Amino acid sequence: MTGLATTAILAAQFLLLLGMGMAIVRMMRGPRAQDRVLAMDAMTIDGMLLLLTIGIRTGSILYVEAGLIIALLGFASTAAFAKFLLRGEVIE
């Protein structure tokens, strides 16, 4: 990998970590439950992308598979939380 690509990936990883930090702050401070669910969704997306950039940098497919698992679980949990906030129950 060239020096420019390595620098771009490291910059992307730093920005993703910064985004995760901001999502954690929103999760702690969020005045409503909807804000907290949105912050959790942003944090799972940032975590997935961080794993993908680590996989690109190291050349290991294991990080890509872990990112896929986090994406699936993040979507399911966000949908469950949204349904719970909307109706008060997850399973009908």
Foldseek 3Di string as FASTA:
>chain_A
DDPVVVVVLVVLLVVLVVLLVVLVVQLVPPPDVVSNLVSLLSNLLSVLVNLVSVCVVVVDCVSNVVSVVSVVVSVVVSVQSVVCVVPVHRDD
